[in-house]
Amino acid sequence: MSRTCARPGCSGAAVATLTYDYANRTAWVERLSPEPHPMTHDLCGRHADNLSVPQGWRLEDRRVVAPLFRTSLAS
């Protein structure tokens, strides 16, 4: 069974998971978690990419992983 976006009125396929911590005013967008959890929200790509948080909150996008090694373009 595929998962869909948690935003009302959106039936897009979920590609990311939103997690948040009220006490620290932080929200994280991560790759879609393997299993759904009642304390997280699945989002489609459009809603994950355009997510904004309240003023004073911090948003961390953890979907992009930096490469372990950098390749040099110099010859």
PDB file of N, CA and C in Angstrom:
ATOM      1  N   MET A   1       0.844  -1.182   0.000  1.00  0.00           N
ATOM      2  CA  MET A   1       0.000   0.000   0.000  1.00  0.00           C
ATOM      3  C   MET A   1       0.888   1.244   0.000  1.00  0.00           C
ATOM      4  N   SER A   2       0.710   2.118  -0.978  1.00  0.00           N
ATOM      5  CA  SER A   2       1.517   3.334  -1.053  1.00  0.00           C
ATOM      6  C   SER A   2       0.931   4.391  -0.117  1.00  0.00           C
ATOM      7  N   ARG A   3       1.793   5.273   0.339  1.00  0.00           N
ATOM      8  CA  ARG A   3       1.373   6.334   1.249  1.00  0.00           C
ATOM      9  C   ARG A   3       1.191   7.627   0.473  1.00  0.00           C
ATOM     10  N   THR A   4       0.246   8.440   0.920  1.00  0.00           N
ATOM     11  CA  THR A   4      -0.039   9.701   0.249  1.00  0.00           C
ATOM     12  C   THR A   4       0.263  10.864   1.174  1.00  0.00           C
ATOM     13  N   CYS A   5       0.311  12.036   0.582  1.00  0.00           N
ATOM     14  CA  CYS A   5       0.599  13.273   1.288  1.00  0.00           C
ATOM     15  C   CYS A   5      -0.454  13.529   2.366  1.00  0.00           C
ATOM     16  N   ALA A   6       0.000  14.018   3.506  1.00  0.00           N
ATOM     17  CA  ALA A   6      -0.890  14.292   4.636  1.00  0.00           C
ATOM     18  C   ALA A   6      -1.618  15.633   4.500  1.00  0.00           C
ATOM     19  N   ARG A   7      -1.219  16.467   3.551  1.00  0.00           N
ATOM     20  CA  ARG A   7      -1.882  17.763   3.387  1.00  0.00           C
ATOM     21  C   ARG A   7      -3.304  17.560   2.892  1.00  0.00           C
ATOM     22  N   PRO A   8      -4.265  18.230   3.523  1.00  0.00           N
ATOM     23  CA  PRO A   8      -5.662  18.087   3.106  1.00  0.00           C
ATOM     24  C   PRO A   8      -5.853  18.428   1.629  1.00  0.00           C
ATOM     25  N   GLY A   9      -6.571  17.591   0.929  1.00  0.00           N
ATOM     26  CA  GLY A   9      -6.868  17.808  -0.478  1.00  0.00           C
ATOM     27  C   GLY A   9      -5.779  17.353  -1.430  1.00  0.00           C
ATOM     28  N   CYS A  10      -4.655  16.869  -0.922  1.00  0.00           N
ATOM     29  CA  CYS A  10      -3.564  16.411  -1.784  1.00  0.00           C
ATOM     30  C   CYS A  10      -3.536  14.892  -1.782  1.00  0.00           C
ATOM     31  N   SER A  11      -3.475  14.320  -2.952  1.00  0.00           N
ATOM     32  CA  SER A  11      -3.391  12.863  -3.055  1.00  0.00           C
ATOM     33  C   SER A  11      -2.068  12.431  -3.681  1.00  0.00           C
ATOM     34  N   GLY A  12      -1.083  13.334  -3.643  1.00  0.00           N
ATOM     35  CA  GLY A  12       0.227  13.030  -4.201  1.00  0.00           C
ATOM     36  C   GLY A  12       0.929  11.934  -3.414  1.00  0.00           C
ATOM     37  N   ALA A  13       1.807  11.221  -4.095  1.00  0.00           N
ATOM     38  CA  ALA A  13       2.568  10.155  -3.442  1.00  0.00           C
ATOM     39  C   ALA A  13       3.554  10.759  -2.447  1.00  0.00           C
ATOM     40  N   ALA A  14       3.607  10.190  -1.262  1.00  0.00           N
ATOM     41  CA  ALA A  14       4.522  10.673  -0.223  1.00  0.00           C
ATOM     42  C   ALA A  14       5.958  10.333  -0.587  1.00  0.00           C
ATOM     43  N   VAL A  15       6.852  11.327  -0.435  1.00  0.00           N
ATOM     44  CA  VAL A  15       8.280  11.126  -0.702  1.00  0.00           C
ATOM     45  C   VAL A  15       9.138  11.596   0.463  1.00  0.00           C
ATOM     46  N   ALA A  16       8.527  12.248   1.452  1.00  0.00           N
ATOM     47  CA  ALA A  16       9.266  12.796   2.589  1.00  0.00           C
ATOM     48  C   ALA A  16       8.428  12.666   3.855  1.00  0.00           C
ATOM     49  N   THR A  17       9.109  12.733   4.998  1.00  0.00           N
ATOM     50  CA  THR A  17       8.433  12.679   6.286  1.00  0.00           C
ATOM     51  C   THR A  17       8.781  13.929   7.078  1.00  0.00           C
ATOM     52  N   LEU A  18       7.766  14.566   7.632  1.00  0.00           N
ATOM     53  CA  LEU A  18       7.923  15.748   8.464  1.00  0.00           C
ATOM     54  C   LEU A  18       7.832  15.328   9.932  1.00  0.00           C
ATOM     55  N   THR A  19       8.835  15.740  10.693  1.00  0.00           N
ATOM     56  CA  THR A  19       8.872  15.504  12.132  1.00  0.00           C
ATOM     57  C   THR A  19       9.137  16.846  12.795  1.00  0.00           C
ATOM     58  N   TYR A  20       8.608  17.052  13.977  1.00  0.00           N
ATOM     59  CA  TYR A  20       8.835  18.327  14.639  1.00  0.00           C
ATOM     60  C   TYR A  20       8.960  18.151  16.143  1.00  0.00           C
ATOM     61  N   ASP A  21       9.577  19.158  16.766  1.00  0.00           N
ATOM     62  CA  ASP A  21       9.795  19.194  18.208  1.00  0.00           C
ATOM     63  C   ASP A  21       9.351  20.571  18.688  1.00  0.00           C
ATOM     64  N   TYR A  22       8.175  20.624  19.301  1.00  0.00           N
ATOM     65  CA  TYR A  22       7.640  21.903  19.764  1.00  0.00           C
ATOM     66  C   TYR A  22       8.556  22.580  20.774  1.00  0.00           C
ATOM     67  N   ALA A  23       9.102  21.829  21.711  1.00  0.00           N
ATOM     68  CA  ALA A  23       9.924  22.410  22.772  1.00  0.00           C
ATOM     69  C   ALA A  23      11.138  23.154  22.215  1.00  0.00           C
ATOM     70  N   ASN A  24      11.742  22.619  21.168  1.00  0.00           N
ATOM     71  CA  ASN A  24      12.929  23.236  20.567  1.00  0.00           C
ATOM     72  C   ASN A  24      12.617  24.039  19.316  1.00  0.00           C
ATOM     73  N   ARG A  25      11.348  24.142  18.974  1.00  0.00           N
ATOM     74  CA  ARG A  25      10.895  24.889  17.790  1.00  0.00           C
ATOM     75  C   ARG A  25      11.697  24.516  16.548  1.00  0.00           C
ATOM     76  N   THR A  26      11.762  23.228  16.303  1.00  0.00           N
ATOM     77  CA  THR A  26      12.508  22.706  15.163  1.00  0.00           C
ATOM     78  C   THR A  26      11.648  21.713  14.402  1.00  0.00           C
ATOM     79  N   ALA A  27      11.740  21.765  13.094  1.00  0.00           N
ATOM     80  CA  ALA A  27      11.054  20.800  12.228  1.00  0.00           C
ATOM     81  C   ALA A  27      12.080  20.204  11.278  1.00  0.00           C
ATOM     82  N   TRP A  28      11.908  18.935  10.948  1.00  0.00           N
ATOM     83  CA  TRP A  28      12.806  18.234  10.043  1.00  0.00           C
ATOM     84  C   TRP A  28      12.018  17.632   8.909  1.00  0.00           C
ATOM     85  N   VAL A  29      12.529  17.789   7.702  1.00  0.00           N
ATOM     86  CA  VAL A  29      12.001  17.087   6.532  1.00  0.00           C
ATOM     87  C   VAL A  29      13.070  16.064   6.168  1.00  0.00           C
ATOM     88  N   GLU A  30      12.679  14.806   6.159  1.00  0.00           N
ATOM     89  CA  GLU A  30      13.616  13.726   5.881  1.00  0.00           C
ATOM     90  C   GLU A  30      13.068  12.858   4.755  1.00  0.00           C
ATOM     91  N   ARG A  31      13.912  11.992   4.245  1.00  0.00           N
ATOM     92  CA  ARG A  31      13.429  11.012   3.274  1.00  0.00           C
ATOM     93  C   ARG A  31      12.274  10.253   3.898  1.00  0.00           C
ATOM     94  N   LEU A  32      11.409   9.725   3.080  1.00  0.00           N
ATOM     95  CA  LEU A  32      10.231   9.013   3.565  1.00  0.00           C
ATOM     96  C   LEU A  32      10.657   7.891   4.504  1.00  0.00           C
ATOM     97  N   SER A  33      10.102   7.899   5.697  1.00  0.00           N
ATOM     98  CA  SER A  33      10.439   6.860   6.672  1.00  0.00           C
ATOM     99  C   SER A  33       9.892   5.518   6.194  1.00  0.00           C
ATOM    100  N   PRO A  34      10.561   4.435   6.564  1.00  0.00           N
ATOM    101  CA  PRO A  34      10.118   3.108   6.095  1.00  0.00           C
ATOM    102  C   PRO A  34       8.700   2.752   6.543  1.00  0.00           C
ATOM    103  N   GLU A  35       8.325   3.199   7.719  1.00  0.00           N
ATOM    104  CA  GLU A  35       7.002   2.900   8.259  1.00  0.00           C
ATOM    105  C   GLU A  35       6.320   4.194   8.694  1.00  0.00           C
ATOM    106  N   PRO A  36       5.011   4.294   8.494  1.00  0.00           N
ATOM    107  CA  PRO A  36       4.305   5.483   8.988  1.00  0.00           C
ATOM    108  C   PRO A  36       4.259   5.476  10.508  1.00  0.00           C
ATOM    109  N   HIS A  37       4.206   6.656  11.090  1.00  0.00           N
ATOM    110  CA  HIS A  37       4.135   6.801  12.542  1.00  0.00           C
ATOM    111  C   HIS A  37       3.102   7.881  12.853  1.00  0.00           C
ATOM    112  N   PRO A  38       2.286   7.711  13.882  1.00  0.00           N
ATOM    113  CA  PRO A  38       1.235   8.698  14.170  1.00  0.00           C
ATOM    114  C   PRO A  38       1.755  10.079  14.567  1.00  0.00           C
ATOM    115  N   MET A  39       3.028  10.201  14.939  1.00  0.00           N
ATOM    116  CA  MET A  39       3.572  11.496  15.341  1.00  0.00           C
ATOM    117  C   MET A  39       4.348  12.195  14.224  1.00  0.00           C
ATOM    118  N   THR A  40       4.296  11.667  13.009  1.00  0.00           N
ATOM    119  CA  THR A  40       4.953  12.292  11.865  1.00  0.00           C
ATOM    120  C   THR A  40       3.935  12.488  10.757  1.00  0.00           C
ATOM    121  N   HIS A  41       4.325  13.233   9.732  1.00  0.00           N
ATOM    122  CA  HIS A  41       3.440  13.513   8.602  1.00  0.00           C
ATOM    123  C   HIS A  41       4.180  13.228   7.304  1.00  0.00           C
ATOM    124  N   ASP A  42       3.577  12.453   6.444  1.00  0.00           N
ATOM    125  CA  ASP A  42       4.146  12.171   5.130  1.00  0.00           C
ATOM    126  C   ASP A  42       3.766  13.297   4.178  1.00  0.00           C
ATOM    127  N   LEU A  43       4.718  13.700   3.330  1.00  0.00           N
ATOM    128  CA  LEU A  43       4.472  14.787   2.393  1.00  0.00           C
ATOM    129  C   LEU A  43       4.892  14.397   0.984  1.00  0.00           C
ATOM    130  N   CYS A  44       4.184  14.931  -0.007  1.00  0.00           N
ATOM    131  CA  CYS A  44       4.601  14.763  -1.394  1.00  0.00           C
ATOM    132  C   CYS A  44       5.772  15.715  -1.647  1.00  0.00           C
ATOM    133  N   GLY A  45       6.412  15.580  -2.774  1.00  0.00           N
ATOM    134  CA  GLY A  45       7.559  16.421  -3.097  1.00  0.00           C
ATOM    135  C   GLY A  45       7.228  17.902  -3.124  1.00  0.00           C
ATOM    136  N   ARG A  46       6.097  18.266  -3.685  1.00  0.00           N
ATOM    137  CA  ARG A  46       5.714  19.682  -3.788  1.00  0.00           C
ATOM    138  C   ARG A  46       5.543  20.294  -2.409  1.00  0.00           C
ATOM    139  N   HIS A  47       4.853  19.616  -1.519  1.00  0.00           N
ATOM    140  CA  HIS A  47       4.630  20.171  -0.190  1.00  0.00           C
ATOM    141  C   HIS A  47       5.894  20.119   0.674  1.00  0.00           C
ATOM    142  N   ALA A  48       6.716  19.129   0.496  1.00  0.00           N
ATOM    143  CA  ALA A  48       7.987  19.072   1.241  1.00  0.00           C
ATOM    144  C   ALA A  48       8.915  20.197   0.788  1.00  0.00           C
ATOM    145  N   ASP A  49       8.973  20.457  -0.512  1.00  0.00           N
ATOM    146  CA  ASP A  49       9.854  21.494  -1.049  1.00  0.00           C
ATOM    147  C   ASP A  49       9.406  22.903  -0.672  1.00  0.00           C
ATOM    148  N   ASN A  50       8.112  23.102  -0.481  1.00  0.00           N
ATOM    149  CA  ASN A  50       7.575  24.437  -0.203  1.00  0.00           C
ATOM    150  C   ASN A  50       7.161  24.629   1.252  1.00  0.00           C
ATOM    151  N   LEU A  51       7.600  23.758   2.110  1.00  0.00           N
ATOM    152  CA  LEU A  51       7.226  23.826   3.517  1.00  0.00           C
ATOM    153  C   LEU A  51       7.828  25.060   4.178  1.00  0.00           C
ATOM    154  N   SER A  52       7.041  25.739   4.974  1.00  0.00           N
ATOM    155  CA  SER A  52       7.554  26.845   5.781  1.00  0.00           C
ATOM    156  C   SER A  52       7.135  26.592   7.225  1.00  0.00           C
ATOM    157  N   VAL A  53       7.908  27.133   8.141  1.00  0.00           N
ATOM    158  CA  VAL A  53       7.634  26.944   9.567  1.00  0.00           C
ATOM    159  C   VAL A  53       7.321  28.295  10.192  1.00  0.00           C
ATOM    160  N   PRO A  54       6.704  28.297  11.369  1.00  0.00           N
ATOM    161  CA  PRO A  54       6.384  29.570  12.015  1.00  0.00           C
ATOM    162  C   PRO A  54       7.631  30.391  12.325  1.00  0.00           C
ATOM    163  N   GLN A  55       7.453  31.691  12.437  1.00  0.00           N
ATOM    164  CA  GLN A  55       8.559  32.582  12.772  1.00  0.00           C
ATOM    165  C   GLN A  55       9.162  32.137  14.104  1.00  0.00           C
ATOM    166  N   GLY A  56      10.478  32.092  14.156  1.00  0.00           N
ATOM    167  CA  GLY A  56      11.174  31.655  15.353  1.00  0.00           C
ATOM    168  C   GLY A  56      11.490  30.171  15.366  1.00  0.00           C
ATOM    169  N   TRP A  57      10.961  29.442  14.395  1.00  0.00           N
ATOM    170  CA  TRP A  57      11.249  28.010  14.261  1.00  0.00           C
ATOM    171  C   TRP A  57      12.392  27.824  13.275  1.00  0.00           C
ATOM    172  N   ARG A  58      13.027  26.674  13.357  1.00  0.00           N
ATOM    173  CA  ARG A  58      14.099  26.308  12.424  1.00  0.00           C
ATOM    174  C   ARG A  58      13.651  25.094  11.636  1.00  0.00           C
ATOM    175  N   LEU A  59      13.890  25.113  10.344  1.00  0.00           N
ATOM    176  CA  LEU A  59      13.567  23.985   9.467  1.00  0.00           C
ATOM    177  C   LEU A  59      14.864  23.384   8.944  1.00  0.00           C
ATOM    178  N   GLU A  60      15.020  22.090   9.121  1.00  0.00           N
ATOM    179  CA  GLU A  60      16.185  21.378   8.596  1.00  0.00           C
ATOM    180  C   GLU A  60      15.715  20.385   7.539  1.00  0.00           C
ATOM    181  N   ASP A  61      16.256  20.519   6.350  1.00  0.00           N
ATOM    182  CA  ASP A  61      15.953  19.582   5.271  1.00  0.00           C
ATOM    183  C   ASP A  61      17.052  18.530   5.255  1.00  0.00           C
ATOM    184  N   ARG A  62      16.736  17.357   5.703  1.00  0.00           N
ATOM    185  CA  ARG A  62      17.713  16.279   5.790  1.00  0.00           C
ATOM    186  C   ARG A  62      17.616  15.303   4.628  1.00  0.00           C
ATOM    187  N   ARG A  63      16.894  15.674   3.591  1.00  0.00           N
ATOM    188  CA  ARG A  63      16.764  14.772   2.445  1.00  0.00           C
ATOM    189  C   ARG A  63      18.023  14.736   1.603  1.00  0.00           C
ATOM    190  N   VAL A  64      18.781  15.816   1.597  1.00  0.00           N
ATOM    191  CA  VAL A  64      19.992  15.896   0.795  1.00  0.00           C
ATOM    192  C   VAL A  64      21.158  15.443   1.662  1.00  0.00           C
ATOM    193  N   VAL A  65      21.860  14.462   1.198  1.00  0.00           N
ATOM    194  CA  VAL A  65      23.005  13.941   1.928  1.00  0.00           C
ATOM    195  C   VAL A  65      24.262  14.338   1.176  1.00  0.00           C
ATOM    196  N   ALA A  66      25.188  14.973   1.878  1.00  0.00           N
ATOM    197  CA  ALA A  66      26.443  15.393   1.256  1.00  0.00           C
ATOM    198  C   ALA A  66      27.283  14.166   0.928  1.00  0.00           C
ATOM    199  N   PRO A  67      28.005  14.201  -0.184  1.00  0.00           N
ATOM    200  CA  PRO A  67      28.857  13.064  -0.530  1.00  0.00           C
ATOM    201  C   PRO A  67      29.968  12.869   0.488  1.00  0.00           C
ATOM    202  N   LEU A  68      30.377  11.632   0.689  1.00  0.00           N
ATOM    203  CA  LEU A  68      31.448  11.351   1.629  1.00  0.00           C
ATOM    204  C   LEU A  68      32.782  11.886   1.127  1.00  0.00           C
ATOM    205  N   PHE A  69      32.981  11.835  -0.180  1.00  0.00           N
ATOM    206  CA  PHE A  69      34.239  12.277  -0.769  1.00  0.00           C
ATOM    207  C   PHE A  69      33.932  13.280  -1.865  1.00  0.00           C
ATOM    208  N   ARG A  70      34.723  14.315  -1.907  1.00  0.00           N
ATOM    209  CA  ARG A  70      34.578  15.293  -2.987  1.00  0.00           C
ATOM    210  C   ARG A  70      35.542  14.938  -4.088  1.00  0.00           C
ATOM    211  N   THR A  71      35.078  15.072  -5.299  1.00  0.00           N
ATOM    212  CA  THR A  71      35.963  14.827  -6.438  1.00  0.00           C
ATOM    213  C   THR A  71      36.485  16.154  -6.934  1.00  0.00           C
ATOM    214  N   SER A  72      37.731  16.198  -7.260  1.00  0.00           N
ATOM    215  CA  SER A  72      38.361  17.417  -7.735  1.00  0.00           C
ATOM    216  C   SER A  72      38.129  17.551  -9.232  1.00  0.00           C
ATOM    217  N   LEU A  73      37.800  18.757  -9.655  1.00  0.00           N
ATOM    218  CA  LEU A  73      37.617  19.025 -11.073  1.00  0.00           C
ATOM    219  C   LEU A  73      38.936  19.419 -11.729  1.00  0.00           C
ATOM    220  N   ALA A  74      39.939  19.712 -10.918  1.00  0.00           N
ATOM    221  CA  ALA A  74      41.250  20.099 -11.465  1.00  0.00           C
ATOM    222  C   ALA A  74      41.953  18.857 -12.027  1.00  0.00           C
ATOM    223  N   SER A  75      42.683  19.046 -13.127  1.00  0.00           N
ATOM    224  CA  SER A  75      43.385  17.898 -13.695  1.00  0.00           C
ATOM    225  C   SER A  75      44.831  17.861 -13.308  1.00  0.00           C
TER     226      SER A  75
END
